[in-house]
């Protein structure tokens, strides 16, 4: 099942995507997080329908309780660095103000000159859990979507803590849709690619993760209770713009997309912050 949150004629709704049409689910729950908590949705046969071409797709979960991100979680990425292999997942967070949907614009702020892309698999939690075992971890997943952990490296590496370069507005594109967990047999057997202006920059399998999805869920739940709608960004493979010579940092006019097998394609334009021109 493919679930979306969308805006039509100024109103925000959510529903099931079937072919090129969205079946409205808002009569059944106030938002998609509430729907996930209640279980699998069953749309009414006479539910309102929206042509996909006539709506704006928002992040599937527009207001999560928390966005937990994982760093240095692909062997291909680690192989290019002098950093030691982490013994446990490296975690940081992003705020809700960093979220944008598919076709939304990544805004390059005046405070940075080194903004990079990081294509990632995102996991959306479907039920509350604490101290979740690895063997049961995937039972807590509502579904999966594409993410771009946009990063301002010149801000990120000013300190030993990465969050300051990760938390900027529009720096967490998410979507275009949420594919429910029953459609993904193994989240660690998916192809992930990131394309910048038509050129493939990242191309890797999620099997290359150092800490697979189940281990991430188990570890994070040992630190904080996971709740429906929480999002976990699972790390990015090799191919970042900062690792290239010359570097390929994002600039106004760029088009960047993240595509994951069985899930879809998240595409975003890149623009300059308006105040930078003043």
Foldseek 3Di string as FASTA:
>chain_A
DWKFWWDAPRDIFIAHDDDQKGFTDCVPDVAVLVVLQVDDDDGDPPGDMDGNVRIGTWFRQLAFPWEKEWEPFFPQAVVLDPDDDDPATDIDTEHSQQEGEFAAAAADEPVADFKKKFKFKKWFFRAKDALDALVCQLVRTQFIWIKIQIFRVVQQPPDPHRHRRRHDGNRIYIDSITDGSVQPPAQQAKWKWKAKPRRTQDTDGSVRTNQHPSNVSNVVSNVPIDHGGYMYTRYGHPRMQVSDVVRDGDDAQMKMWMQMPPHGIGIHGYHYDPVSVD
